[in-house]
Amino acid sequence: MNVLAAEWLKIRSIRSSHLILAISLGAIPLAVAVAMSAIAMYDSAPASMRAGARIAELEEVVLIVPQLAMGIMGVLAITSEYATGLIRTSFALVPGRRPVLAAKSVVVGGLGLVVGPVVVFATYAVSWWMLESRYPVAGFADRLPTLVTSSLTVAVYALLGLGLGAVLRSAAGAIAILVGLVYVFPMIVGNLPEPWSERLGSVMLGALPREITGEDLTSSVYGALLSPFAAAVALVLYAAVPLGAGLLLIRGRDV
């Protein structure tokens, strides 16, 4: 518990943590701005176009913001200590080393579990309140399973960032991989010839929430080949594999 309390104190005392949380929650006003733009476009469109007007789910549009932000928090939670040399103090006080990474995982993952649902559910509420009279918005009961699974990806990105930071000990390298997973790799996979586009797209993080809930992904840029169970396992592995590698490496390395 002392290690956990120490890691919580570290996160709270770092200025970047407050900025990252603010950026993550900034996805909500961003969703409001997108909704206002969509309303303006709808109101200025001719009646013939309004009848078939559609809009993407806002929570999926802005989810990239907390995902990437919390992933960066996970990276900085450990790489900042390597950069300043504070990691030596941490390992001197906790010679086993692994409890340090475990405590960081609880703190960073816990923050992701709070930020993710706040952003996702607040954004859905914005969608329903602002757009329901103009665009078709799925009911809460229909969207609930995907809202839950989508919100969990924020915690997964936070733990993924922490694991990458532990493995690479480089903020730049770990953040580059995170950006690749969020933005670059999906574009590359989407332009591959079939069947590789669908096969690889099915294991992209963006596809997993809907695959877990069994939603229709025929119009998605991702694939839909995984069963709900396989998609859930893949989601866990995105966090577990880098953290596991970090746990193995952190014990055997010199600081």
Protein backbone atom coordinates (compact mmCIF):
# COMPACT_ATOMS: atom_id res chain seq x y z
CA MET A 1 0.00 0.00 0.00
CA ASN A 2 2.91 2.37 0.71
CA VAL A 3 4.22 1.86 -2.83
CA LEU A 4 0.77 2.51 -4.26
CA ALA A 5 0.39 5.69 -2.18
CA ALA A 6 3.81 6.87 -3.33
CA GLU A 7 2.96 6.35 -7.00
CA TRP A 8 -0.34 8.18 -6.57
CA LEU A 9 1.52 11.09 -4.99
CA LYS A 10 4.00 11.16 -7.89
CA ILE A 11 1.24 11.32 -10.49
CA ARG A 12 -0.56 14.08 -8.63
CA SER A 13 2.60 16.15 -8.20
CA ILE A 14 3.60 16.15 -11.89
CA ARG A 15 2.30 19.16 -13.82
CA SER A 16 2.01 17.21 -17.04
CA SER A 17 -0.51 14.87 -15.39
CA HIS A 18 -2.92 17.74 -14.77
CA LEU A 19 -2.45 18.98 -18.33
CA ILE A 20 -3.03 15.51 -19.75
CA LEU A 21 -6.23 15.07 -17.74
CA ALA A 22 -7.43 18.48 -18.95
CA ILE A 23 -6.70 17.54 -22.56
CA SER A 24 -8.51 14.21 -22.12
CA LEU A 25 -11.62 15.90 -20.73
CA GLY A 26 -11.29 18.51 -23.49
CA ALA A 27 -12.75 15.87 -25.79
CA ILE A 28 -16.17 16.77 -24.36
CA PRO A 29 -16.19 20.44 -25.49
CA LEU A 30 -14.65 19.23 -28.76
CA ALA A 31 -17.70 17.00 -29.22
CA VAL A 32 -19.93 20.00 -28.53
CA ALA A 33 -18.11 21.98 -31.24
CA VAL A 34 -18.49 19.12 -33.73
CA ALA A 35 -22.19 18.84 -32.88
CA MET A 36 -22.69 22.59 -33.40
CA SER A 37 -20.98 22.36 -36.78
CA ALA A 38 -23.18 19.41 -37.76
CA ILE A 39 -26.28 21.33 -36.71
CA ALA A 40 -25.26 24.34 -38.80
CA MET A 41 -24.67 22.12 -41.83
CA TYR A 42 -28.03 20.41 -41.35
CA ASP A 43 -29.96 23.66 -40.97
CA SER A 44 -28.40 25.14 -44.10
CA ALA A 45 -28.96 22.03 -46.23
CA PRO A 46 -31.97 21.67 -48.57
CA ALA A 47 -34.86 19.51 -47.39
CA SER A 48 -33.99 16.75 -49.87
CA MET A 49 -30.57 16.30 -48.26
CA ARG A 50 -31.84 16.52 -44.68
CA ALA A 51 -33.94 13.38 -45.11
CA GLY A 52 -30.88 11.20 -45.56
CA ALA A 53 -28.54 13.07 -43.22
CA ARG A 54 -26.27 10.88 -41.12
CA ILE A 55 -23.46 11.58 -38.66
CA ALA A 56 -20.83 9.38 -37.05
CA GLU A 57 -21.10 8.66 -33.34
CA LEU A 58 -19.41 11.60 -31.63
CA GLU A 59 -17.93 9.44 -28.88
CA GLU A 60 -15.98 7.52 -31.51
CA VAL A 61 -14.90 10.72 -33.27
CA VAL A 62 -13.32 12.29 -30.16
CA LEU A 63 -12.21 9.11 -28.37
CA ILE A 64 -8.76 9.40 -29.93
CA VAL A 65 -8.09 12.41 -27.65
CA PRO A 66 -8.31 10.64 -24.25
CA GLN A 67 -6.81 7.46 -25.70
CA LEU A 68 -3.66 9.19 -26.86
CA ALA A 69 -3.48 11.57 -23.89
CA MET A 70 -3.78 8.82 -21.28
CA GLY A 71 -1.34 6.67 -23.24
CA ILE A 72 1.17 9.51 -23.01
CA MET A 73 0.51 9.76 -19.27
CA GLY A 74 1.37 6.08 -18.97
CA VAL A 75 4.61 6.63 -20.88
CA LEU A 76 5.64 9.63 -18.77
CA ALA A 77 4.76 7.88 -15.53
CA ILE A 78 7.93 5.84 -15.88
CA THR A 79 10.15 7.47 -18.52
CA SER A 80 10.17 10.77 -16.60
CA GLU A 81 11.75 8.93 -13.66
CA TYR A 82 14.42 7.45 -15.90
CA ALA A 83 15.11 10.90 -17.34
CA THR A 84 15.50 12.56 -13.94
CA GLY A 85 17.20 9.64 -12.18
CA LEU A 86 14.38 9.37 -9.65
CA ILE A 87 13.95 5.75 -10.68
CA ARG A 88 17.11 4.93 -8.69
CA THR A 89 15.45 6.18 -5.53
CA SER A 90 12.29 4.20 -6.27
CA PHE A 91 14.23 0.98 -6.81
CA ALA A 92 16.41 1.61 -3.75
CA LEU A 93 13.31 1.89 -1.58
CA VAL A 94 11.61 -1.08 -3.27
CA PRO A 95 14.44 -3.50 -4.13
CA GLY A 96 12.06 -5.98 -5.73
CA ARG A 97 11.38 -3.39 -8.46
CA ARG A 98 8.32 -5.16 -9.82
CA PRO A 99 5.96 -3.70 -7.17
CA VAL A 100 6.90 -0.25 -8.48
CA LEU A 101 5.61 -1.05 -11.97
CA ALA A 102 2.59 -2.87 -10.52
CA ALA A 103 1.68 0.21 -8.44
CA LYS A 104 2.12 2.49 -11.46
CA SER A 105 -0.20 0.16 -13.40
CA VAL A 106 -2.91 0.45 -10.75
CA VAL A 107 -2.67 4.25 -10.62
CA VAL A 108 -2.45 4.88 -14.37
CA GLY A 109 -4.99 2.20 -15.24
CA GLY A 110 -7.36 3.48 -12.56
CA LEU A 111 -7.23 6.99 -13.97
CA GLY A 112 -7.96 5.57 -17.41
CA LEU A 113 -10.98 3.72 -16.01
CA VAL A 114 -12.33 7.03 -14.71
CA VAL A 115 -11.48 9.28 -17.67
CA GLY A 116 -12.71 6.84 -20.33
CA PRO A 117 -16.33 6.50 -19.12
CA VAL A 118 -16.58 10.21 -18.28
CA VAL A 119 -15.60 11.22 -21.82
CA VAL A 120 -17.53 8.50 -23.64
CA PHE A 121 -20.81 8.81 -21.74
CA ALA A 122 -20.71 12.60 -21.61
CA THR A 123 -20.09 12.70 -25.36
CA TYR A 124 -23.00 10.35 -25.99
CA ALA A 125 -25.20 12.62 -23.87
CA VAL A 126 -24.08 15.58 -26.00
CA SER A 127 -24.97 13.62 -29.15
CA TRP A 128 -28.44 12.76 -27.91
CA TRP A 129 -29.22 16.22 -26.52
CA MET A 130 -27.94 18.30 -29.44
CA LEU A 131 -28.41 16.07 -32.49
CA GLU A 132 -31.37 13.80 -31.79
CA SER A 133 -33.88 16.17 -33.40
CA ARG A 134 -31.87 16.35 -36.64
CA TYR A 135 -29.84 13.16 -37.05
CA PRO A 136 -30.66 9.56 -36.16
CA VAL A 137 -29.00 8.79 -32.81
CA ALA A 138 -29.07 5.23 -31.44
CA GLY A 139 -30.88 4.77 -28.15
CA PHE A 140 -28.91 4.48 -24.93
CA ALA A 141 -29.81 0.83 -24.36
CA ASP A 142 -28.64 -0.07 -27.87
CA ARG A 143 -25.38 1.83 -27.51
CA LEU A 144 -24.58 0.89 -23.91
CA PRO A 145 -22.46 -2.23 -24.59
CA THR A 146 -20.25 -0.41 -27.10
CA LEU A 147 -20.05 2.68 -24.89
CA VAL A 148 -18.69 0.51 -22.10
CA THR A 149 -16.16 -1.33 -24.24
CA SER A 150 -15.05 1.88 -25.96
CA SER A 151 -14.47 3.57 -22.61
CA LEU A 152 -12.26 0.65 -21.51
CA THR A 153 -9.85 1.31 -24.38
CA VAL A 154 -8.71 4.49 -22.62
CA ALA A 155 -7.40 2.43 -19.69
CA VAL A 156 -5.85 -0.02 -22.15
CA TYR A 157 -3.95 2.79 -23.87
CA ALA A 158 -2.77 4.09 -20.50
CA LEU A 159 -1.39 0.67 -19.56
CA LEU A 160 0.00 0.16 -23.05
CA GLY A 161 1.90 3.45 -22.74
CA LEU A 162 3.23 2.44 -19.32
CA GLY A 163 4.40 -0.92 -20.65
CA LEU A 164 6.07 0.62 -23.69
CA GLY A 165 7.78 3.17 -21.46
CA ALA A 166 9.07 0.41 -19.19
CA VAL A 167 10.41 -1.58 -22.14
CA LEU A 168 11.94 1.29 -24.14
CA ARG A 169 12.79 3.73 -21.33
CA SER A 170 12.35 6.40 -24.00
CA ALA A 171 9.40 8.78 -24.02
CA ALA A 172 9.90 9.65 -27.68
CA GLY A 173 10.03 6.04 -28.83
CA ALA A 174 7.05 4.91 -26.76
CA ILE A 175 4.91 7.90 -27.80
CA ALA A 176 5.79 7.30 -31.46
CA ILE A 177 4.47 3.74 -31.20
CA LEU A 178 1.30 4.98 -29.49
CA VAL A 179 0.66 7.52 -32.26
CA GLY A 180 1.26 4.76 -34.79
CA LEU A 181 -1.33 2.51 -33.15
CA VAL A 182 -3.92 5.28 -32.92
CA TYR A 183 -3.50 6.92 -36.31
CA VAL A 184 -0.80 5.60 -38.65
CA PHE A 185 -1.14 1.81 -38.55
CA PRO A 186 -4.92 1.80 -39.20
CA MET A 187 -4.39 3.91 -42.33
CA ILE A 188 -1.68 1.56 -43.56
CA VAL A 189 -3.77 -1.53 -42.85
CA GLY A 190 -6.82 0.02 -44.52
CA ASN A 191 -4.87 0.41 -47.76
CA LEU A 192 -3.54 -3.14 -47.87
CA PRO A 193 -5.02 -5.58 -50.40
CA GLU A 194 -7.58 -8.10 -49.23
CA PRO A 195 -7.64 -10.37 -47.33
CA TRP A 196 -4.83 -8.74 -45.32
CA SER A 197 -6.71 -5.49 -44.81
CA GLU A 198 -9.59 -7.24 -43.04
CA ARG A 199 -7.39 -9.73 -41.20
CA LEU A 200 -5.09 -7.11 -39.74
CA GLY A 201 -7.89 -4.59 -39.32
CA SER A 202 -9.74 -7.05 -37.12
CA VAL A 203 -6.99 -6.91 -34.49
CA MET A 204 -6.61 -3.12 -34.52
CA LEU A 205 -7.62 -1.51 -31.23
CA GLY A 206 -10.29 0.54 -32.98
CA ALA A 207 -12.14 -2.59 -34.11
CA LEU A 208 -12.16 -4.46 -30.79
CA PRO A 209 -14.93 -2.62 -28.86
CA ARG A 210 -17.54 -3.36 -31.52
CA GLU A 211 -16.27 -6.87 -32.12
CA ILE A 212 -16.64 -7.57 -28.41
CA THR A 213 -20.28 -6.46 -28.48
CA GLY A 214 -20.97 -8.15 -31.81
CA GLU A 215 -21.99 -4.95 -33.58
CA ASP A 216 -22.19 -4.78 -37.35
CA LEU A 217 -18.86 -3.62 -38.79
CA THR A 218 -19.66 -3.95 -42.48
CA SER A 219 -19.27 -0.19 -42.99
CA SER A 220 -16.19 0.10 -40.78
CA VAL A 221 -12.65 0.76 -41.98
CA TYR A 222 -11.61 -2.14 -39.75
CA GLY A 223 -12.20 -5.85 -40.14
CA ALA A 224 -14.69 -7.93 -38.19
CA LEU A 225 -13.25 -11.44 -38.12
CA LEU A 226 -12.83 -11.93 -34.36
CA SER A 227 -15.45 -13.47 -32.12
CA PRO A 228 -16.50 -11.44 -29.04
CA PHE A 229 -14.31 -13.63 -26.81
CA ALA A 230 -11.28 -13.40 -29.10
CA ALA A 231 -11.72 -9.62 -29.35
CA ALA A 232 -11.87 -9.33 -25.55
CA VAL A 233 -8.67 -11.37 -25.24
CA ALA A 234 -6.97 -9.18 -27.84
CA LEU A 235 -7.98 -6.05 -25.92
CA VAL A 236 -6.45 -7.43 -22.72
CA LEU A 237 -3.28 -8.47 -24.55
CA TYR A 238 -2.69 -4.92 -25.81
CA ALA A 239 -2.09 -3.94 -22.19
CA ALA A 240 -0.78 -7.22 -20.78
CA VAL A 241 1.99 -7.96 -23.31
CA PRO A 242 3.97 -4.70 -22.98
CA LEU A 243 3.44 -4.67 -19.21
CA GLY A 244 4.61 -8.27 -18.97
CA ALA A 245 7.68 -7.48 -21.04
CA GLY A 246 8.35 -4.46 -18.85
CA LEU A 247 8.08 -6.56 -15.69
CA LEU A 248 10.59 -9.07 -17.07
CA LEU A 249 13.07 -6.44 -18.20
CA ILE A 250 12.84 -4.10 -15.25
CA ARG A 251 14.21 -6.69 -12.83
CA GLY A 252 17.22 -7.69 -14.89
CA ARG A 253 18.39 -4.28 -16.07
CA ASP A 254 20.81 -1.92 -14.47
CA VAL A 255 19.10 1.42 -13.89
